[in-house]
Protein backbone atom coordinates (compact mmCIF):
# COMPACT_ATOMS: atom_id res chain seq x y z
CA UNK A 1 12.40 -0.78 -6.24
CA UNK A 2 11.82 -4.15 -7.89
CA UNK A 3 8.37 -4.63 -6.30
CA UNK A 4 7.32 -1.14 -7.41
CA UNK A 5 8.64 -1.92 -10.89
CA UNK A 6 6.49 -5.04 -11.04
CA UNK A 7 3.42 -3.12 -9.82
CA UNK A 8 4.02 -0.32 -12.31
CA UNK A 9 4.52 -2.70 -15.23
CA UNK A 10 1.50 -4.78 -14.26
CA UNK A 11 -0.96 -1.91 -14.08
CA UNK A 12 0.51 0.10 -16.94
CA UNK A 13 -0.19 -2.82 -19.30
CA UNK A 14 -3.76 -3.54 -18.15
CA UNK A 15 -6.61 -1.12 -18.82
CA UNK A 16 -9.85 -1.86 -17.00
CA UNK A 17 -12.43 0.50 -15.43
CA UNK A 18 -12.22 -1.39 -12.12
CA UNK A 19 -8.43 -1.23 -11.79
CA UNK A 20 -6.52 1.92 -10.88
CA UNK A 21 -4.78 3.24 -13.99
CA UNK A 22 -1.00 3.61 -13.95
CA UNK A 23 0.55 5.88 -16.59
CA UNK A 24 4.24 5.84 -15.69
CA UNK A 25 6.83 4.47 -13.28
CA UNK A 26 10.55 4.80 -12.77
CA UNK A 27 13.21 6.29 -10.51
CA UNK A 28 14.03 9.88 -9.59
CA UNK A 29 17.54 11.22 -10.06
CA UNK A 30 18.22 10.40 -6.43
CA UNK A 31 17.16 6.79 -6.96
CA UNK A 32 13.73 6.95 -5.32
CA UNK A 33 11.13 4.75 -7.09
CA UNK A 34 7.82 6.28 -8.15
CA UNK A 35 4.54 5.27 -9.78
CA UNK A 36 2.25 7.77 -11.54
CA UNK A 37 -1.43 6.83 -11.38
CA UNK A 38 -4.78 8.46 -11.98
CA UNK A 39 -6.21 10.82 -9.37
CA UNK A 40 -9.23 9.24 -7.67
CA UNK A 41 -11.88 11.13 -5.73
CA UNK A 42 -13.90 9.33 -3.09
CA UNK A 43 -12.85 7.08 -0.23
CA UNK A 44 -11.74 3.55 0.46
CA UNK A 45 -14.15 0.77 1.33
CA UNK A 46 -12.41 0.62 4.71
CA UNK A 47 -13.39 4.25 5.38
CA UNK A 48 -16.94 3.58 4.17
CA UNK A 49 -17.31 0.63 6.54
CA UNK A 50 -15.79 2.60 9.41
CA UNK A 51 -18.52 5.21 9.04
CA UNK A 52 -21.47 2.91 8.24
CA UNK A 53 -20.52 -0.41 9.93
CA UNK A 54 -22.56 -2.47 7.42
CA UNK A 55 -23.76 -1.96 3.86
CA UNK A 56 -27.07 -3.03 2.35
CA UNK A 57 -26.80 -6.37 0.55
CA UNK A 58 -27.51 -4.89 -2.89
CA UNK A 59 -24.75 -2.29 -2.46
CA UNK A 60 -22.28 -4.86 -1.16
CA UNK A 61 -23.09 -7.17 -4.07
CA UNK A 62 -22.48 -4.38 -6.60
CA UNK A 63 -19.15 -3.49 -4.99
CA UNK A 64 -18.20 -7.16 -5.01
CA UNK A 65 -19.21 -7.53 -8.65
CA UNK A 66 -16.97 -4.65 -9.72
CA UNK A 67 -14.09 -5.94 -7.58
CA UNK A 68 -14.36 -9.28 -9.35
CA UNK A 69 -14.41 -7.66 -12.80
CA UNK A 70 -11.17 -5.83 -12.02
CA UNK A 71 -9.52 -8.88 -10.51
CA UNK A 72 -10.63 -11.00 -13.47
CA UNK A 73 -8.72 -8.65 -15.79
CA UNK A 74 -5.64 -8.99 -13.59
CA UNK A 75 -5.99 -12.77 -13.41
CA UNK A 76 -6.35 -12.91 -17.19
CA UNK A 77 -3.00 -11.16 -17.46
CA UNK A 78 -1.35 -13.73 -15.18
CA UNK A 79 -1.42 -11.73 -11.94
CA UNK A 80 -2.63 -12.66 -8.44
CA UNK A 81 -3.23 -9.62 -6.21
CA UNK A 82 -2.55 -11.35 -2.83
CA UNK A 83 -3.75 -8.39 -0.72
CA UNK A 84 -7.47 -7.95 -1.41
CA UNK A 85 -8.99 -6.07 1.54
CA UNK A 86 -11.24 -3.02 2.15
CA UNK A 87 -8.25 -0.65 2.26
CA UNK A 88 -7.38 -1.65 -1.32
CA UNK A 89 -10.89 -1.14 -2.69
CA UNK A 90 -11.68 2.47 -3.62
CA UNK A 91 -15.21 3.84 -4.04
CA UNK A 92 -15.01 6.65 -6.57
CA UNK A 93 -17.40 9.57 -6.58
CA UNK A 94 -19.86 9.40 -9.46
CA UNK A 95 -22.49 11.78 -10.77
CA UNK A 96 -25.33 9.27 -10.43
CA UNK A 97 -24.39 8.35 -6.85
CA UNK A 98 -23.77 4.68 -7.68
CA UNK A 99 -20.48 3.15 -6.47
CA UNK A 100 -17.69 3.02 -9.02
CA UNK A 101 -15.03 0.65 -7.73
CA UNK A 102 -11.29 0.57 -8.32
CA UNK A 103 -9.01 -2.17 -7.01
CA UNK A 104 -5.74 -0.62 -5.78
CA UNK A 105 -2.26 -1.60 -4.66
CA UNK A 106 -0.65 -4.44 -6.57
CA UNK A 107 2.52 -4.02 -4.50
CA UNK A 108 2.66 -7.70 -3.50
CA UNK A 109 1.29 -9.08 -6.76
CA UNK A 110 2.30 -12.62 -7.75
CA UNK A 111 3.16 -13.31 -11.39
CA UNK A 112 1.87 -16.68 -12.52
CA UNK A 113 2.13 -16.45 -16.32
CA UNK A 114 5.50 -14.85 -17.01
CA UNK A 115 6.29 -14.90 -20.72
CA UNK A 116 2.83 -16.19 -21.73
CA UNK A 117 1.02 -12.84 -21.99
CA UNK A 118 2.58 -9.59 -23.30
CA UNK A 119 0.81 -7.68 -20.52
CA UNK A 120 2.51 -9.71 -17.78
CA UNK A 121 5.63 -8.07 -16.25
CA UNK A 122 8.86 -9.92 -15.66
CA UNK A 123 9.00 -11.55 -12.19
CA UNK A 124 10.97 -10.17 -9.25
CA UNK A 125 14.73 -10.39 -9.71
CA UNK A 126 14.88 -11.98 -6.24
CA UNK A 127 11.79 -14.23 -5.75
CA UNK A 128 9.90 -14.27 -2.47
CA UNK A 129 11.45 -16.81 -0.11
CA UNK A 130 9.55 -20.02 0.61
CA UNK A 131 7.17 -19.86 3.60
CA UNK A 132 7.29 -16.04 3.61
CA UNK A 133 3.77 -14.59 3.70
CA UNK A 134 2.92 -11.28 2.02
CA UNK A 135 -0.33 -9.40 2.44
CA UNK A 136 -2.74 -8.75 5.30
CA UNK A 137 -3.24 -11.81 7.58
CA UNK A 138 -6.90 -11.12 8.37
CA UNK A 139 -7.71 -11.41 4.65
CA UNK A 140 -5.45 -14.38 3.90
CA UNK A 141 -6.67 -17.41 2.04
CA UNK A 142 -6.02 -20.83 3.66
CA UNK A 143 -3.09 -21.41 1.29
CA UNK A 144 -1.54 -18.06 2.24
CA UNK A 145 -1.55 -19.00 5.93
CA UNK A 146 0.97 -21.77 5.26
CA UNK A 147 3.15 -19.71 2.91
CA UNK A 148 2.23 -21.67 -0.22
CA UNK A 149 4.14 -20.55 -3.31
CA UNK A 150 1.69 -21.92 -5.87
CA UNK A 151 -1.00 -19.31 -5.25
CA UNK A 152 -3.47 -18.71 -8.06
CA UNK A 153 -6.59 -16.63 -8.72
CA UNK A 154 -8.62 -18.68 -6.22
CA UNK A 155 -6.64 -17.14 -3.38
CA UNK A 156 -8.00 -13.71 -4.34
CA UNK A 157 -11.54 -15.14 -4.54
CA UNK A 158 -11.29 -16.31 -0.92
CA UNK A 159 -10.26 -12.79 0.10
CA UNK A 160 -13.18 -11.32 -1.85
CA UNK A 161 -15.44 -13.66 0.13
CA UNK A 162 -14.05 -12.21 3.36
CA UNK A 163 -14.66 -8.66 2.11
CA UNK A 164 -18.26 -9.52 1.11
CA UNK A 165 -18.81 -11.04 4.56
CA UNK A 166 -17.42 -7.94 6.27
CA UNK A 167 -19.62 -5.59 4.22
CA UNK A 168 -22.94 -7.20 5.16
CA UNK A 169 -22.19 -8.57 8.63
CA UNK A 170 -20.15 -5.71 10.07
CA UNK A 171 -17.21 -7.91 11.03
CA UNK A 172 -15.11 -10.68 9.54
CA UNK A 173 -15.95 -14.35 10.18
CA UNK A 174 -12.81 -14.85 12.27
CA UNK A 175 -12.47 -11.46 13.99
CA UNK A 176 -12.72 -13.12 17.41
CA UNK A 177 -9.20 -14.46 16.93
CA UNK A 178 -6.52 -11.91 17.79
CA UNK A 179 -3.36 -14.01 17.77
CA UNK A 180 -1.93 -14.99 14.39
CA UNK A 181 -1.64 -18.75 15.10
CA UNK A 182 -5.33 -18.88 16.09
CA UNK A 183 -6.36 -16.76 13.10
CA UNK A 184 -4.35 -18.88 10.67
CA UNK A 185 -5.82 -22.10 12.10
CA UNK A 186 -9.33 -20.71 11.66
CA UNK A 187 -8.63 -19.54 8.10
CA UNK A 188 -7.28 -22.97 7.22
CA UNK A 189 -9.78 -25.25 8.99
CA UNK A 190 -12.83 -23.52 10.52
CA UNK A 191 -16.06 -23.24 8.53
CA UNK A 192 -17.60 -19.87 9.49
CA UNK A 193 -21.23 -19.13 10.18
CA UNK A 194 -22.98 -18.09 6.97
CA UNK A 195 -23.63 -14.35 6.66
CA UNK A 196 -27.37 -14.94 7.23
CA UNK A 197 -26.62 -16.32 10.72
CA UNK A 198 -24.43 -13.40 11.74
CA UNK A 199 -25.70 -10.29 9.93
CA UNK A 200 -27.94 -7.61 11.44
CA UNK A 201 -29.99 -7.60 8.21
CA UNK A 202 -31.78 -10.23 6.08
CA UNK A 203 -29.38 -12.01 3.72
CA UNK A 204 -30.70 -13.69 0.56
CA UNK A 205 -29.91 -17.38 0.20
CA UNK A 206 -28.08 -16.74 -3.08
CA UNK A 207 -25.72 -14.27 -1.36
CA UNK A 208 -25.06 -16.83 1.39
CA UNK A 209 -24.18 -19.47 -1.19
CA UNK A 210 -21.77 -17.19 -3.06
CA UNK A 211 -19.92 -16.15 0.08
CA UNK A 212 -19.70 -19.65 1.51
CA UNK A 213 -18.40 -21.04 -1.77
CA UNK A 214 -15.75 -18.31 -1.88
CA UNK A 215 -14.75 -19.25 1.68
CA UNK A 216 -14.37 -22.97 0.94
CA UNK A 217 -11.16 -24.28 2.52
CA UNK A 218 -10.12 -26.34 -0.49
CA UNK A 219 -9.16 -24.50 -3.64
CA UNK A 220 -10.86 -27.21 -5.67
CA UNK A 221 -14.16 -26.14 -4.10
């Protein structure tokens, strides 16, 4: 219940067009936790990529831009998502046919500014144990692979870089690794091919630079 409480409090206090809107949370009479959120019509980015394999660069860039706007609002409120991936990016139906993006699922959110912003929920009553990793390994940042507890917004930016790569290339930069130890080693140490060297479509140099900077191994970069 405590994780759902944190997610409910986090999203109920932040209003942004690129974050799913939560209007209520609590427990039923039988003790089951619940979150009430807006009804979205459309499909996840994961479903979109399953049907299309790759997206045009301009479309991928627009989806990425809206993801970053939503995450920036969360980061400004002292929250790190920790599970940015295509399943948690929703493409809403719109009248003009342009993608309208919502970032979903703050169930494993990390609170990094407790008490410093009125929008920031109180942390978990029982903190996550050291060296315990939460999220989806294929979209981990290098610091997540070693269970670092001092995660910040840059961890989400790395994951956004992986999502951008997947959208235009049709696969992730480390999809050849199936075992977790190999995947974690690659996430932490291996510089991937730039999207332009792996994609089945022309990739502008500026897009390459953005993705490769997001995928830098050092947070300082």
